Amino acid sequence: MPGYVMRLKGNDVIDGLAAPHLEGDQPSDECYHELRYRAKCWSVERRVVLVVVPVPGELFPRHFYLITDLDVEAYPAEQLVLTSPSGQGKTLSSASNSLVFPS
């Protein structure tokens, strides 16, 4: 069964889990934080990657979430953001909302 990665811009509950990672100074480089979340309608807890992207000249960084069933050991956060099926680079942080990885 293939794995999946979905991009989520916001969610009130996940925003609350991410809040401690978004406080303080803006990071100088893109950074990632691993979270766990289970929505009421989900049968299992999911891996959530918080992606924090600094924005030069702005007070606050931009952020979004990646929801995935891919193992953290096999697919570290950096690889989820940088990998695309076409090899074109930052597909998820640029435009696309989901990827499916072959098993």
PDB file of N, CA and C in Angstrom:
ATOM      1  N   MET A   1       0.842  -1.182   0.000  1.00  0.00           N
ATOM      2  CA  MET A   1       0.000   0.000   0.000  1.00  0.00           C
ATOM      3  C   MET A   1       0.889   1.247   0.000  1.00  0.00           C
ATOM      4  N   PRO A   2       0.633   2.190  -0.915  1.00  0.00           N
ATOM      5  CA  PRO A   2       1.468   3.387  -0.945  1.00  0.00           C
ATOM      6  C   PRO A   2       1.221   4.281   0.262  1.00  0.00           C
ATOM      7  N   GLY A   3       2.229   5.043   0.617  1.00  0.00           N
ATOM      8  CA  GLY A   3       2.077   6.022   1.682  1.00  0.00           C
ATOM      9  C   GLY A   3       1.542   7.325   1.114  1.00  0.00           C
ATOM     10  N   TYR A   4       1.189   8.242   1.979  1.00  0.00           N
ATOM     11  CA  TYR A   4       0.651   9.516   1.521  1.00  0.00           C
ATOM     12  C   TYR A   4       1.251  10.668   2.333  1.00  0.00           C
ATOM     13  N   VAL A   5       1.224  11.850   1.719  1.00  0.00           N
ATOM     14  CA  VAL A   5       1.565  13.094   2.392  1.00  0.00           C
ATOM     15  C   VAL A   5       0.545  14.117   1.927  1.00  0.00           C
ATOM     16  N   MET A   6      -0.130  14.748   2.874  1.00  0.00           N
ATOM     17  CA  MET A   6      -1.104  15.791   2.548  1.00  0.00           C
ATOM     18  C   MET A   6      -0.676  17.087   3.223  1.00  0.00           C
ATOM     19  N   ARG A   7      -0.815  18.167   2.521  1.00  0.00           N
ATOM     20  CA  ARG A   7      -0.514  19.475   3.087  1.00  0.00           C
ATOM     21  C   ARG A   7      -1.789  20.067   3.673  1.00  0.00           C
ATOM     22  N   LEU A   8      -1.667  20.596   4.882  1.00  0.00           N
ATOM     23  CA  LEU A   8      -2.787  21.222   5.568  1.00  0.00           C
ATOM     24  C   LEU A   8      -2.326  22.598   6.035  1.00  0.00           C
ATOM     25  N   LYS A   9      -3.044  23.632   5.628  1.00  0.00           N
ATOM     26  CA  LYS A   9      -2.637  24.978   6.006  1.00  0.00           C
ATOM     27  C   LYS A   9      -2.967  25.293   7.457  1.00  0.00           C
ATOM     28  N   GLY A  10      -4.108  24.834   7.936  1.00  0.00           N
ATOM     29  CA  GLY A  10      -4.475  25.150   9.308  1.00  0.00           C
ATOM     30  C   GLY A  10      -5.534  24.224   9.866  1.00  0.00           C
ATOM     31  N   ASN A  11      -5.534  24.118  11.174  1.00  0.00           N
ATOM     32  CA  ASN A  11      -6.495  23.305  11.914  1.00  0.00           C
ATOM     33  C   ASN A  11      -6.399  23.795  13.355  1.00  0.00           C
ATOM     34  N   ASP A  12      -7.519  24.132  13.967  1.00  0.00           N
ATOM     35  CA  ASP A  12      -7.489  24.720  15.310  1.00  0.00           C
ATOM     36  C   ASP A  12      -6.768  23.850  16.332  1.00  0.00           C
ATOM     37  N   VAL A  13      -7.019  22.549  16.312  1.00  0.00           N
ATOM     38  CA  VAL A  13      -6.385  21.667  17.294  1.00  0.00           C
ATOM     39  C   VAL A  13      -4.890  21.542  17.023  1.00  0.00           C
ATOM     40  N   ILE A  14      -4.524  21.328  15.766  1.00  0.00           N
ATOM     41  CA  ILE A  14      -3.104  21.210  15.427  1.00  0.00           C
ATOM     42  C   ILE A  14      -2.390  22.545  15.644  1.00  0.00           C
ATOM     43  N   ASP A  15      -3.074  23.646  15.387  1.00  0.00           N
ATOM     44  CA  ASP A  15      -2.481  24.962  15.669  1.00  0.00           C
ATOM     45  C   ASP A  15      -2.101  25.062  17.147  1.00  0.00           C
ATOM     46  N   GLY A  16      -2.946  24.531  18.018  1.00  0.00           N
ATOM     47  CA  GLY A  16      -2.647  24.543  19.450  1.00  0.00           C
ATOM     48  C   GLY A  16      -1.439  23.686  19.794  1.00  0.00           C
ATOM     49  N   LEU A  17      -1.313  22.526  19.141  1.00  0.00           N
ATOM     50  CA  LEU A  17      -0.148  21.662  19.364  1.00  0.00           C
ATOM     51  C   LEU A  17       1.138  22.317  18.849  1.00  0.00           C
ATOM     52  N   ALA A  18       1.011  23.093  17.788  1.00  0.00           N
ATOM     53  CA  ALA A  18       2.173  23.722  17.171  1.00  0.00           C
ATOM     54  C   ALA A  18       2.598  25.018  17.850  1.00  0.00           C
ATOM     55  N   ALA A  19       1.703  25.642  18.592  1.00  0.00           N
ATOM     56  CA  ALA A  19       1.956  26.971  19.172  1.00  0.00           C
ATOM     57  C   ALA A  19       3.293  27.094  19.898  1.00  0.00           C
ATOM     58  N   PRO A  20       3.681  26.135  20.752  1.00  0.00           N
ATOM     59  CA  PRO A  20       4.972  26.288  21.441  1.00  0.00           C
ATOM     60  C   PRO A  20       6.176  26.353  20.492  1.00  0.00           C
ATOM     61  N   HIS A  21       6.039  25.754  19.310  1.00  0.00           N
ATOM     62  CA  HIS A  21       7.134  25.751  18.339  1.00  0.00           C
ATOM     63  C   HIS A  21       7.169  27.025  17.503  1.00  0.00           C
ATOM     64  N   LEU A  22       6.113  27.827  17.593  1.00  0.00           N
ATOM     65  CA  LEU A  22       6.031  29.046  16.789  1.00  0.00           C
ATOM     66  C   LEU A  22       6.320  30.304  17.596  1.00  0.00           C
ATOM     67  N   GLU A  23       6.558  30.136  18.883  1.00  0.00           N
ATOM     68  CA  GLU A  23       6.844  31.278  19.745  1.00  0.00           C
ATOM     69  C   GLU A  23       8.320  31.647  19.646  1.00  0.00           C
ATOM     70  N   GLY A  24       8.620  32.879  19.954  1.00  0.00           N
ATOM     71  CA  GLY A  24      10.012  33.316  19.962  1.00  0.00           C
ATOM     72  C   GLY A  24      10.440  33.895  18.628  1.00  0.00           C
ATOM     73  N   ASP A  25      11.740  33.986  18.457  1.00  0.00           N
ATOM     74  CA  ASP A  25      12.302  34.585  17.248  1.00  0.00           C
ATOM     75  C   ASP A  25      12.044  33.733  16.014  1.00  0.00           C
ATOM     76  N   GLN A  26      11.946  34.411  14.892  1.00  0.00           N
ATOM     77  CA  GLN A  26      11.778  33.723  13.620  1.00  0.00           C
ATOM     78  C   GLN A  26      13.051  32.931  13.312  1.00  0.00           C
ATOM     79  N   PRO A  27      12.924  31.677  12.859  1.00  0.00           N
ATOM     80  CA  PRO A  27      14.121  30.899  12.533  1.00  0.00           C
ATOM     81  C   PRO A  27      14.822  31.479  11.308  1.00  0.00           C
ATOM     82  N   SER A  28      16.126  31.248  11.212  1.00  0.00           N
ATOM     83  CA  SER A  28      16.869  31.750  10.060  1.00  0.00           C
ATOM     84  C   SER A  28      16.744  30.806   8.863  1.00  0.00           C
ATOM     85  N   ASP A  29      16.441  29.548   9.119  1.00  0.00           N
ATOM     86  CA  ASP A  29      16.262  28.554   8.062  1.00  0.00           C
ATOM     87  C   ASP A  29      14.950  27.820   8.264  1.00  0.00           C
ATOM     88  N   GLU A  30      14.462  27.192   7.196  1.00  0.00           N
ATOM     89  CA  GLU A  30      13.272  26.373   7.309  1.00  0.00           C
ATOM     90  C   GLU A  30      13.510  25.302   8.370  1.00  0.00           C
ATOM     91  N   CYS A  31      12.533  25.061   9.235  1.00  0.00           N
ATOM     92  CA  CYS A  31      12.705  24.037  10.266  1.00  0.00           C
ATOM     93  C   CYS A  31      11.433  23.199  10.382  1.00  0.00           C
ATOM     94  N   TYR A  32      11.574  22.049  11.042  1.00  0.00           N
ATOM     95  CA  TYR A  32      10.515  21.053  11.097  1.00  0.00           C
ATOM     96  C   TYR A  32      10.338  20.559  12.525  1.00  0.00           C
ATOM     97  N   HIS A  33       9.091  20.270  12.887  1.00  0.00           N
ATOM     98  CA  HIS A  33       8.779  19.728  14.207  1.00  0.00           C
ATOM     99  C   HIS A  33       7.797  18.575  14.020  1.00  0.00           C
ATOM    100  N   GLU A  34       8.090  17.465  14.669  1.00  0.00           N
ATOM    101  CA  GLU A  34       7.236  16.279  14.596  1.00  0.00           C
ATOM    102  C   GLU A  34       6.143  16.375  15.669  1.00  0.00           C
ATOM    103  N   LEU A  35       4.900  16.184  15.258  1.00  0.00           N
ATOM    104  CA  LEU A  35       3.756  16.180  16.163  1.00  0.00           C
ATOM    105  C   LEU A  35       2.946  14.912  15.903  1.00  0.00           C
ATOM    106  N   ARG A  36       2.050  14.584  16.807  1.00  0.00           N
ATOM    107  CA  ARG A  36       1.117  13.460  16.634  1.00  0.00           C
ATOM    108  C   ARG A  36      -0.293  13.994  16.860  1.00  0.00           C
ATOM    109  N   TYR A  37      -1.251  13.514  16.057  1.00  0.00           N
ATOM    110  CA  TYR A  37      -2.619  14.003  16.165  1.00  0.00           C
ATOM    111  C   TYR A  37      -3.594  12.917  15.691  1.00  0.00           C
ATOM    112  N   ARG A  38      -4.716  12.843  16.378  1.00  0.00           N
ATOM    113  CA  ARG A  38      -5.792  11.946  15.967  1.00  0.00           C
ATOM    114  C   ARG A  38      -7.101  12.719  15.986  1.00  0.00           C
ATOM    115  N   ALA A  39      -7.667  12.923  14.801  1.00  0.00           N
ATOM    116  CA  ALA A  39      -8.985  13.546  14.696  1.00  0.00           C
ATOM    117  C   ALA A  39     -10.040  12.541  15.154  1.00  0.00           C
ATOM    118  N   LYS A  40     -11.179  13.038  15.564  1.00  0.00           N
ATOM    119  CA  LYS A  40     -12.238  12.152  16.062  1.00  0.00           C
ATOM    120  C   LYS A  40     -12.645  11.100  15.028  1.00  0.00           C
ATOM    121  N   CYS A  41     -12.630  11.468  13.765  1.00  0.00           N
ATOM    122  CA  CYS A  41     -13.078  10.538  12.722  1.00  0.00           C
ATOM    123  C   CYS A  41     -11.964   9.611  12.223  1.00  0.00           C
ATOM    124  N   TRP A  42     -10.740   9.765  12.709  1.00  0.00           N
ATOM    125  CA  TRP A  42      -9.631   8.914  12.282  1.00  0.00           C
ATOM    126  C   TRP A  42      -9.534   7.695  13.191  1.00  0.00           C
ATOM    127  N   SER A  43      -9.220   6.563  12.610  1.00  0.00           N
ATOM    128  CA  SER A  43      -9.097   5.337  13.394  1.00  0.00           C
ATOM    129  C   SER A  43      -7.755   5.258  14.124  1.00  0.00           C
ATOM    130  N   VAL A  44      -6.764   5.991  13.653  1.00  0.00           N
ATOM    131  CA  VAL A  44      -5.436   5.957  14.272  1.00  0.00           C
ATOM    132  C   VAL A  44      -4.847   7.360  14.360  1.00  0.00           C
ATOM    133  N   GLU A  45      -3.878   7.507  15.239  1.00  0.00           N
ATOM    134  CA  GLU A  45      -3.126   8.748  15.356  1.00  0.00           C
ATOM    135  C   GLU A  45      -2.234   8.893  14.122  1.00  0.00           C
ATOM    136  N   ARG A  46      -2.041  10.113  13.658  1.00  0.00           N
ATOM    137  CA  ARG A  46      -1.230  10.364  12.463  1.00  0.00           C
ATOM    138  C   ARG A  46       0.007  11.192  12.809  1.00  0.00           C
ATOM    139  N   ARG A  47       0.992  11.033  11.988  1.00  0.00           N
ATOM    140  CA  ARG A  47       2.197  11.852  12.072  1.00  0.00           C
ATOM    141  C   ARG A  47       1.896  13.194  11.408  1.00  0.00           C
ATOM    142  N   VAL A  48       2.218  14.263  12.109  1.00  0.00           N
ATOM    143  CA  VAL A  48       2.034  15.617  11.600  1.00  0.00           C
ATOM    144  C   VAL A  48       3.390  16.302  11.658  1.00  0.00           C
ATOM    145  N   VAL A  49       3.826  16.844  10.536  1.00  0.00           N
ATOM    146  CA  VAL A  49       5.080  17.582  10.495  1.00  0.00           C
ATOM    147  C   VAL A  49       4.738  19.061  10.362  1.00  0.00           C
ATOM    148  N   LEU A  50       5.165  19.839  11.334  1.00  0.00           N
ATOM    149  CA  LEU A  50       5.030  21.288  11.281  1.00  0.00           C
ATOM    150  C   LEU A  50       6.229  21.816  10.499  1.00  0.00           C
ATOM    151  N   VAL A  51       5.972  22.534   9.414  1.00  0.00           N
ATOM    152  CA  VAL A  51       7.028  23.126   8.596  1.00  0.00           C
ATOM    153  C   VAL A  51       6.978  24.633   8.829  1.00  0.00           C
ATOM    154  N   VAL A  52       8.083  25.189   9.314  1.00  0.00           N
ATOM    155  CA  VAL A  52       8.167  26.615   9.615  1.00  0.00           C
ATOM    156  C   VAL A  52       9.135  27.244   8.619  1.00  0.00           C
ATOM    157  N   VAL A  53       8.636  28.231   7.862  1.00  0.00           N
ATOM    158  CA  VAL A  53       9.413  28.854   6.797  1.00  0.00           C
ATOM    159  C   VAL A  53       9.619  30.328   7.131  1.00  0.00           C
ATOM    160  N   PRO A  54      10.872  30.762   7.335  1.00  0.00           N
ATOM    161  CA  PRO A  54      11.103  32.177   7.621  1.00  0.00           C
ATOM    162  C   PRO A  54      10.761  33.028   6.405  1.00  0.00           C
ATOM    163  N   VAL A  55      10.253  34.227   6.661  1.00  0.00           N
ATOM    164  CA  VAL A  55       9.919  35.167   5.598  1.00  0.00           C
ATOM    165  C   VAL A  55      10.737  36.437   5.844  1.00  0.00           C
ATOM    166  N   PRO A  56      11.754  36.674   5.022  1.00  0.00           N
ATOM    167  CA  PRO A  56      12.582  37.873   5.216  1.00  0.00           C
ATOM    168  C   PRO A  56      11.736  39.146   5.239  1.00  0.00           C
ATOM    169  N   GLY A  57      12.022  39.992   6.202  1.00  0.00           N
ATOM    170  CA  GLY A  57      11.306  41.249   6.330  1.00  0.00           C
ATOM    171  C   GLY A  57       9.987  41.160   7.068  1.00  0.00           C
ATOM    172  N   GLU A  58       9.569  39.972   7.436  1.00  0.00           N
ATOM    173  CA  GLU A  58       8.314  39.780   8.161  1.00  0.00           C
ATOM    174  C   GLU A  58       8.599  39.452   9.617  1.00  0.00           C
ATOM    175  N   LEU A  59       7.665  39.791  10.482  1.00  0.00           N
ATOM    176  CA  LEU A  59       7.816  39.525  11.902  1.00  0.00           C
ATOM    177  C   LEU A  59       7.626  38.050  12.240  1.00  0.00           C
ATOM    178  N   PHE A  60       6.691  37.406  11.549  1.00  0.00           N
ATOM    179  CA  PHE A  60       6.371  36.007  11.842  1.00  0.00           C
ATOM    180  C   PHE A  60       6.679  35.118  10.645  1.00  0.00           C
ATOM    181  N   PRO A  61       7.112  33.878  10.912  1.00  0.00           N
ATOM    182  CA  PRO A  61       7.354  32.954   9.806  1.00  0.00           C
ATOM    183  C   PRO A  61       6.034  32.405   9.265  1.00  0.00           C
ATOM    184  N   ARG A  62       6.072  31.863   8.087  1.00  0.00           N
ATOM    185  CA  ARG A  62       4.943  31.151   7.492  1.00  0.00           C
ATOM    186  C   ARG A  62       5.041  29.703   7.973  1.00  0.00           C
ATOM    187  N   HIS A  63       3.917  29.038   8.143  1.00  0.00           N
ATOM    188  CA  HIS A  63       3.963  27.626   8.530  1.00  0.00           C
ATOM    189  C   HIS A  63       2.788  26.866   7.933  1.00  0.00           C
ATOM    190  N   PHE A  64       2.992  25.566   7.804  1.00  0.00           N
ATOM    191  CA  PHE A  64       1.941  24.676   7.348  1.00  0.00           C
ATOM    192  C   PHE A  64       2.248  23.292   7.903  1.00  0.00           C
ATOM    193  N   TYR A  65       1.323  22.365   7.680  1.00  0.00           N
ATOM    194  CA  TYR A  65       1.461  21.021   8.233  1.00  0.00           C
ATOM    195  C   TYR A  65       1.458  19.985   7.114  1.00  0.00           C
ATOM    196  N   LEU A  66       2.199  18.915   7.335  1.00  0.00           N
ATOM    197  CA  LEU A  66       2.155  17.746   6.467  1.00  0.00           C
ATOM    198  C   LEU A  66       1.608  16.596   7.296  1.00  0.00           C
ATOM    199  N   ILE A  67       0.538  15.984   6.823  1.00  0.00           N
ATOM    200  CA  ILE A  67      -0.061  14.825   7.484  1.00  0.00           C
ATOM    201  C   ILE A  67       0.373  13.606   6.669  1.00  0.00           C
ATOM    202  N   THR A  68       0.917  12.599   7.334  1.00  0.00           N
ATOM    203  CA  THR A  68       1.434  11.450   6.599  1.00  0.00           C
ATOM    204  C   THR A  68       1.341  10.167   7.411  1.00  0.00           C
ATOM    205  N   ASP A  69       1.394   9.070   6.687  1.00  0.00           N
ATOM    206  CA  ASP A  69       1.502   7.760   7.340  1.00  0.00           C
ATOM    207  C   ASP A  69       2.907   7.186   7.140  1.00  0.00           C
ATOM    208  N   LEU A  70       3.802   7.968   6.545  1.00  0.00           N
ATOM    209  CA  LEU A  70       5.159   7.506   6.295  1.00  0.00           C
ATOM    210  C   LEU A  70       5.982   7.528   7.577  1.00  0.00           C
ATOM    211  N   ASP A  71       6.799   6.514   7.740  1.00  0.00           N
ATOM    212  CA  ASP A  71       7.634   6.358   8.924  1.00  0.00           C
ATOM    213  C   ASP A  71       8.686   7.461   9.006  1.00  0.00           C
ATOM    214  N   VAL A  72       8.870   8.017  10.197  1.00  0.00           N
ATOM    215  CA  VAL A  72       9.826   9.104  10.408  1.00  0.00           C
ATOM    216  C   VAL A  72      11.258   8.660  10.122  1.00  0.00           C
ATOM    217  N   GLU A  73      11.577   7.396  10.383  1.00  0.00           N
ATOM    218  CA  GLU A  73      12.933   6.888  10.133  1.00  0.00           C
ATOM    219  C   GLU A  73      13.212   6.802   8.633  1.00  0.00           C
ATOM    220  N   ALA A  74      12.249   6.302   7.885  1.00  0.00           N
ATOM    221  CA  ALA A  74      12.422   6.133   6.441  1.00  0.00           C
ATOM    222  C   ALA A  74      12.245   7.442   5.678  1.00  0.00           C
ATOM    223  N   TYR A  75      11.382   8.324   6.179  1.00  0.00           N
ATOM    224  CA  TYR A  75      11.088   9.589   5.524  1.00  0.00           C
ATOM    225  C   TYR A  75      11.167  10.733   6.531  1.00  0.00           C
ATOM    226  N   PRO A  76      12.380  11.213   6.829  1.00  0.00           N
ATOM    227  CA  PRO A  76      12.482  12.358   7.740  1.00  0.00           C
ATOM    228  C   PRO A  76      11.773  13.583   7.154  1.00  0.00           C
ATOM    229  N   ALA A  77      11.439  14.512   7.997  1.00  0.00           N
ATOM    230  CA  ALA A  77      10.668  15.689   7.586  1.00  0.00           C
ATOM    231  C   ALA A  77      11.280  16.401   6.383  1.00  0.00           C
ATOM    232  N   GLU A  78      12.583  16.577   6.377  1.00  0.00           N
ATOM    233  CA  GLU A  78      13.242  17.272   5.274  1.00  0.00           C
ATOM    234  C   GLU A  78      12.955  16.585   3.951  1.00  0.00           C
ATOM    235  N   GLN A  79      12.919  15.264   3.964  1.00  0.00           N
ATOM    236  CA  GLN A  79      12.663  14.519   2.731  1.00  0.00           C
ATOM    237  C   GLN A  79      11.217  14.683   2.281  1.00  0.00           C
ATOM    238  N   LEU A  80      10.293  14.777   3.204  1.00  0.00           N
ATOM    239  CA  LEU A  80       8.892  14.973   2.835  1.00  0.00           C
ATOM    240  C   LEU A  80       8.700  16.293   2.109  1.00  0.00           C
ATOM    241  N   VAL A  81       9.403  17.316   2.551  1.00  0.00           N
ATOM    242  CA  VAL A  81       9.258  18.642   1.953  1.00  0.00           C
ATOM    243  C   VAL A  81      10.003  18.726   0.626  1.00  0.00           C
ATOM    244  N   LEU A  82      11.177  18.134   0.564  1.00  0.00           N
ATOM    245  CA  LEU A  82      12.029  18.290  -0.611  1.00  0.00           C
ATOM    246  C   LEU A  82      11.765  17.289  -1.723  1.00  0.00           C
ATOM    247  N   THR A  83      11.046  16.219  -1.447  1.00  0.00           N
ATOM    248  CA  THR A  83      10.837  15.164  -2.436  1.00  0.00           C
ATOM    249  C   THR A  83       9.575  15.409  -3.237  1.00  0.00           C
ATOM    250  N   SER A  84       9.667  15.170  -4.522  1.00  0.00           N
ATOM    251  CA  SER A  84       8.482  15.185  -5.377  1.00  0.00           C
ATOM    252  C   SER A  84       8.645  14.090  -6.412  1.00  0.00           C
ATOM    253  N   PRO A  85       7.548  13.525  -6.899  1.00  0.00           N
ATOM    254  CA  PRO A  85       7.650  12.450  -7.882  1.00  0.00           C
ATOM    255  C   PRO A  85       8.406  12.864  -9.136  1.00  0.00           C
ATOM    256  N   SER A  86       8.300  14.126  -9.536  1.00  0.00           N
ATOM    257  CA  SER A  86       8.976  14.587 -10.744  1.00  0.00           C
ATOM    258  C   SER A  86      10.413  15.012 -10.483  1.00  0.00           C
ATOM    259  N   GLY A  87      10.819  15.036  -9.208  1.00  0.00           N
ATOM    260  CA  GLY A  87      12.172  15.453  -8.876  1.00  0.00           C
ATOM    261  C   GLY A  87      12.365  16.956  -8.965  1.00  0.00           C
ATOM    262  N   GLN A  88      11.283  17.711  -8.974  1.00  0.00           N
ATOM    263  CA  GLN A  88      11.363  19.156  -9.145  1.00  0.00           C
ATOM    264  C   GLN A  88      11.603  19.921  -7.854  1.00  0.00           C
ATOM    265  N   GLY A  89      11.774  19.257  -6.750  1.00  0.00           N
ATOM    266  CA  GLY A  89      12.080  19.976  -5.511  1.00  0.00           C
ATOM    267  C   GLY A  89      10.864  20.233  -4.659  1.00  0.00           C
ATOM    268  N   LYS A  90      10.802  21.385  -4.044  1.00  0.00           N
ATOM    269  CA  LYS A  90       9.856  21.677  -2.973  1.00  0.00           C
ATOM    270  C   LYS A  90       8.400  21.721  -3.418  1.00  0.00           C
ATOM    271  N   THR A  91       7.908  20.631  -3.895  1.00  0.00           N
ATOM    272  CA  THR A  91       6.529  20.565  -4.378  1.00  0.00           C
ATOM    273  C   THR A  91       5.533  20.939  -3.295  1.00  0.00           C
ATOM    274  N   LEU A  92       5.665  20.381  -2.101  1.00  0.00           N
ATOM    275  CA  LEU A  92       4.655  20.614  -1.072  1.00  0.00           C
ATOM    276  C   LEU A  92       4.683  22.031  -0.528  1.00  0.00           C
ATOM    277  N   SER A  93       5.859  22.613  -0.358  1.00  0.00           N
ATOM    278  CA  SER A  93       5.892  23.966   0.186  1.00  0.00           C
ATOM    279  C   SER A  93       5.613  25.001  -0.888  1.00  0.00           C
ATOM    280  N   SER A  94       5.646  24.621  -2.145  1.00  0.00           N
ATOM    281  CA  SER A  94       5.421  25.579  -3.215  1.00  0.00           C
ATOM    282  C   SER A  94       3.977  25.614  -3.695  1.00  0.00           C
ATOM    283  N   ALA A  95       3.449  24.459  -4.129  1.00  0.00           N
ATOM    284  CA  ALA A  95       2.145  24.533  -4.774  1.00  0.00           C
ATOM    285  C   ALA A  95       1.239  23.357  -4.486  1.00  0.00           C
ATOM    286  N   SER A  96       1.742  22.163  -4.516  1.00  0.00           N
ATOM    287  CA  SER A  96       0.899  20.978  -4.444  1.00  0.00           C
ATOM    288  C   SER A  96       0.351  20.758  -3.046  1.00  0.00           C
ATOM    289  N   ASN A  97      -0.746  20.054  -2.946  1.00  0.00           N
ATOM    290  CA  ASN A  97      -1.329  19.762  -1.646  1.00  0.00           C
ATOM    291  C   ASN A  97      -1.153  18.319  -1.209  1.00  0.00           C
ATOM    292  N   SER A  98      -0.751  17.425  -2.100  1.00  0.00           N
ATOM    293  CA  SER A  98      -0.559  16.041  -1.680  1.00  0.00           C
ATOM    294  C   SER A  98       0.378  15.295  -2.616  1.00  0.00           C
ATOM    295  N   LEU A  99       0.983  14.268  -2.080  1.00  0.00           N
ATOM    296  CA  LEU A  99       1.840  13.355  -2.826  1.00  0.00           C
ATOM    297  C   LEU A  99       1.502  11.945  -2.385  1.00  0.00           C
ATOM    298  N   VAL A 100       1.662  10.995  -3.282  1.00  0.00           N
ATOM    299  CA  VAL A 100       1.538   9.592  -2.915  1.00  0.00           C
ATOM    300  C   VAL A 100       2.867   8.938  -3.226  1.00  0.00           C
ATOM    301  N   PHE A 101       3.424   8.257  -2.238  1.00  0.00           N
ATOM    302  CA  PHE A 101       4.710   7.587  -2.385  1.00  0.00           C
ATOM    303  C   PHE A 101       4.465   6.107  -2.622  1.00  0.00           C
ATOM    304  N   PRO A 102       5.166   5.503  -3.584  1.00  0.00           N
ATOM    305  CA  PRO A 102       5.008   4.063  -3.778  1.00  0.00           C
ATOM    306  C   PRO A 102       5.565   3.315  -2.574  1.00  0.00           C
ATOM    307  N   SER A 103       5.028   2.147  -2.309  1.00  0.00           N
ATOM    308  CA  SER A 103       5.501   1.358  -1.182  1.00  0.00           C
ATOM    309  C   SER A 103       6.727   0.562  -1.570  1.00  0.00           C
TER     310      SER A 103
END
